[in-house]
Amino acid sequence: MSFSKEFFKNIAQDLISPFNYSIMLINGTAIYVDGFEKILSLSYTEIVLKTKKQHLKINGKNLKIDKMEEFSCVVTGNIGGIFVEQISVL
C-alpha cells in the first residue's frame, strides 16, 4: 500500500494528477520517496532515483536506504538537498 496515495486520496485530482512521485522530508534526516522506477546511483553523498519523467537527486552526508518496498523507499542521513531533473526525450 502506498502511504502517499492514501494520504492524498481526498485531495482534488487536478492538483495531484498525473501522480508520478511524492517526497516527504522528515526533520532533515529522513526522506520517504514513493513512485520511483529504479535506483540509478547510490553513494554516501548522493542517491539518484529515476521516475517516469524525472531524476530525483538526494544530496547529503551518510546517506543510506533504510527501508525499501516496491516503488518506495526511506532514505536516512544528513539530508542536504533534493533536486528534480527533467529527463530529456530525443
C-alpha atoms as a PDB file:
ATOM      1  CA  MET A   1       0.000   0.000   0.000  1.00  0.00           C
ATOM      2  CA  SER A   2       1.274   3.468  -0.840  1.00  0.00           C
ATOM      3  CA  PHE A   3       1.227   5.881   2.084  1.00  0.00           C
ATOM      4  CA  SER A   4       1.087   8.930  -0.170  1.00  0.00           C
ATOM      5  CA  LYS A   5      -1.824   7.613  -2.238  1.00  0.00           C
ATOM      6  CA  GLU A   6      -3.813   7.068   0.959  1.00  0.00           C
ATOM      7  CA  PHE A   7      -2.760  10.463   2.322  1.00  0.00           C
ATOM      8  CA  PHE A   8      -3.859  12.352  -0.809  1.00  0.00           C
ATOM      9  CA  LYS A   9      -6.923  10.299  -1.749  1.00  0.00           C
ATOM     10  CA  ASN A  10      -9.401  13.079  -0.807  1.00  0.00           C
ATOM     11  CA  ILE A  11      -7.419  15.922  -2.454  1.00  0.00           C
ATOM     12  CA  ALA A  12      -8.758  17.336  -5.732  1.00  0.00           C
ATOM     13  CA  GLN A  13      -7.481  15.141  -8.556  1.00  0.00           C
ATOM     14  CA  ASP A  14      -6.498  18.090 -10.740  1.00  0.00           C
ATOM     15  CA  LEU A  15      -3.839  19.027  -8.146  1.00  0.00           C
ATOM     16  CA  ILE A  16      -2.162  15.642  -7.943  1.00  0.00           C
ATOM     17  CA  SER A  17      -2.845  14.104 -11.345  1.00  0.00           C
ATOM     18  CA  PRO A  18      -0.907  12.671 -13.063  1.00  0.00           C
ATOM     19  CA  PHE A  19       0.692  11.114  -9.998  1.00  0.00           C
ATOM     20  CA  ASN A  20       4.374  10.489 -10.787  1.00  0.00           C
ATOM     21  CA  TYR A  21       6.111  10.571  -7.428  1.00  0.00           C
ATOM     22  CA  SER A  22       5.904  12.038  -3.952  1.00  0.00           C
ATOM     23  CA  ILE A  23       8.591  13.038  -1.465  1.00  0.00           C
ATOM     24  CA  MET A  24       8.148  13.621   2.244  1.00  0.00           C
ATOM     25  CA  LEU A  25      11.059  15.153   4.203  1.00  0.00           C
ATOM     26  CA  ILE A  26      11.101  14.398   7.928  1.00  0.00           C
ATOM     27  CA  ASN A  27      13.279  16.539  10.245  1.00  0.00           C
ATOM     28  CA  GLY A  28      16.033  16.853   7.631  1.00  0.00           C
ATOM     29  CA  THR A  29      17.203  13.336   8.460  1.00  0.00           C
ATOM     30  CA  ALA A  30      14.800  11.063   6.566  1.00  0.00           C
ATOM     31  CA  ILE A  31      13.032  11.172   3.219  1.00  0.00           C
ATOM     32  CA  TYR A  32      10.144   8.973   2.158  1.00  0.00           C
ATOM     33  CA  VAL A  33      10.075   8.626  -1.655  1.00  0.00           C
ATOM     34  CA  ASP A  34       7.163   6.975  -3.438  1.00  0.00           C
ATOM     35  CA  GLY A  35       6.744   6.418  -7.170  1.00  0.00           C
ATOM     36  CA  PHE A  36      10.271   5.840  -8.453  1.00  0.00           C
ATOM     37  CA  GLU A  37      11.123   3.166 -11.013  1.00  0.00           C
ATOM     38  CA  LYS A  38      14.734   2.334 -10.174  1.00  0.00           C
ATOM     39  CA  ILE A  39      17.894   3.433  -8.388  1.00  0.00           C
ATOM     40  CA  LEU A  40      20.402   4.990 -10.804  1.00  0.00           C
ATOM     41  CA  SER A  41      23.241   5.647  -8.344  1.00  0.00           C
ATOM     42  CA  LEU A  42      23.885   5.095  -4.663  1.00  0.00           C
ATOM     43  CA  SER A  43      26.670   6.563  -2.520  1.00  0.00           C
ATOM     44  CA  TYR A  44      27.089   8.047   0.937  1.00  0.00           C
ATOM     45  CA  THR A  45      26.768  11.576  -0.522  1.00  0.00           C
ATOM     46  CA  GLU A  46      24.207  11.197  -3.336  1.00  0.00           C
ATOM     47  CA  ILE A  47      21.319   8.909  -4.258  1.00  0.00           C
ATOM     48  CA  VAL A  48      19.685   9.247  -7.682  1.00  0.00           C
ATOM     49  CA  LEU A  49      16.269   7.723  -8.356  1.00  0.00           C
ATOM     50  CA  LYS A  50      14.517   7.537 -11.729  1.00  0.00           C
ATOM     51  CA  THR A  51      10.813   8.297 -12.081  1.00  0.00           C
ATOM     52  CA  LYS A  52       8.803   8.244 -15.309  1.00  0.00           C
ATOM     53  CA  LYS A  53       9.856  11.744 -16.370  1.00  0.00           C
ATOM     54  CA  GLN A  54      12.464  12.948 -13.853  1.00  0.00           C
ATOM     55  CA  HIS A  55      15.586  12.033 -11.934  1.00  0.00           C
ATOM     56  CA  LEU A  56      15.387  12.715  -8.194  1.00  0.00           C
ATOM     57  CA  LYS A  57      18.778  13.578  -6.695  1.00  0.00           C
ATOM     58  CA  ILE A  58      19.150  13.454  -2.923  1.00  0.00           C
ATOM     59  CA  ASN A  59      22.388  15.023  -1.640  1.00  0.00           C
ATOM     60  CA  GLY A  60      23.839  14.942   1.854  1.00  0.00           C
ATOM     61  CA  LYS A  61      26.151  13.001   4.158  1.00  0.00           C
ATOM     62  CA  ASN A  62      25.961   9.433   5.434  1.00  0.00           C
ATOM     63  CA  LEU A  63      23.014   8.658   3.148  1.00  0.00           C
ATOM     64  CA  LYS A  64      21.594   5.160   3.062  1.00  0.00           C
ATOM     65  CA  ILE A  65      18.393   3.416   2.102  1.00  0.00           C
ATOM     66  CA  ASP A  66      16.940   2.132   5.367  1.00  0.00           C
ATOM     67  CA  LYS A  67      13.729   0.617   4.061  1.00  0.00           C
ATOM     68  CA  MET A  68      12.635  -0.357   0.576  1.00  0.00           C
ATOM     69  CA  GLU A  69       9.382  -1.631  -0.840  1.00  0.00           C
ATOM     70  CA  GLU A  70       8.091  -1.809  -4.395  1.00  0.00           C
ATOM     71  CA  PHE A  71       8.348   1.724  -5.863  1.00  0.00           C
ATOM     72  CA  SER A  72       9.020   3.362  -2.442  1.00  0.00           C
ATOM     73  CA  CYS A  73      11.903   3.747  -0.004  1.00  0.00           C
ATOM     74  CA  VAL A  74      13.113   5.638   3.055  1.00  0.00           C
ATOM     75  CA  VAL A  75      16.484   7.398   2.769  1.00  0.00           C
ATOM     76  CA  THR A  76      18.182   8.442   6.015  1.00  0.00           C
ATOM     77  CA  GLY A  77      21.229  10.557   6.790  1.00  0.00           C
ATOM     78  CA  ASN A  78      22.088  14.244   6.934  1.00  0.00           C
ATOM     79  CA  ILE A  79      19.918  15.472   4.038  1.00  0.00           C
ATOM     80  CA  GLY A  80      21.446  18.462   2.254  1.00  0.00           C
ATOM     81  CA  GLY A  81      19.064  18.866  -0.659  1.00  0.00           C
ATOM     82  CA  ILE A  82      16.588  17.322  -3.050  1.00  0.00           C
ATOM     83  CA  PHE A  83      16.794  18.170  -6.736  1.00  0.00           C
ATOM     84  CA  VAL A  84      14.468  17.265  -9.596  1.00  0.00           C
ATOM     85  CA  GLU A  85      15.991  16.990 -13.050  1.00  0.00           C
ATOM     86  CA  GLN A  86      13.804  16.602 -16.133  1.00  0.00           C
ATOM     87  CA  ILE A  87      14.724  13.721 -18.440  1.00  0.00           C
ATOM     88  CA  SER A  88      15.222  14.951 -21.978  1.00  0.00           C
ATOM     89  CA  VAL A  89      13.488  12.896 -24.646  1.00  0.00           C
ATOM     90  CA  LEU A  90      15.100  12.929 -28.084  1.00  0.00           C
END
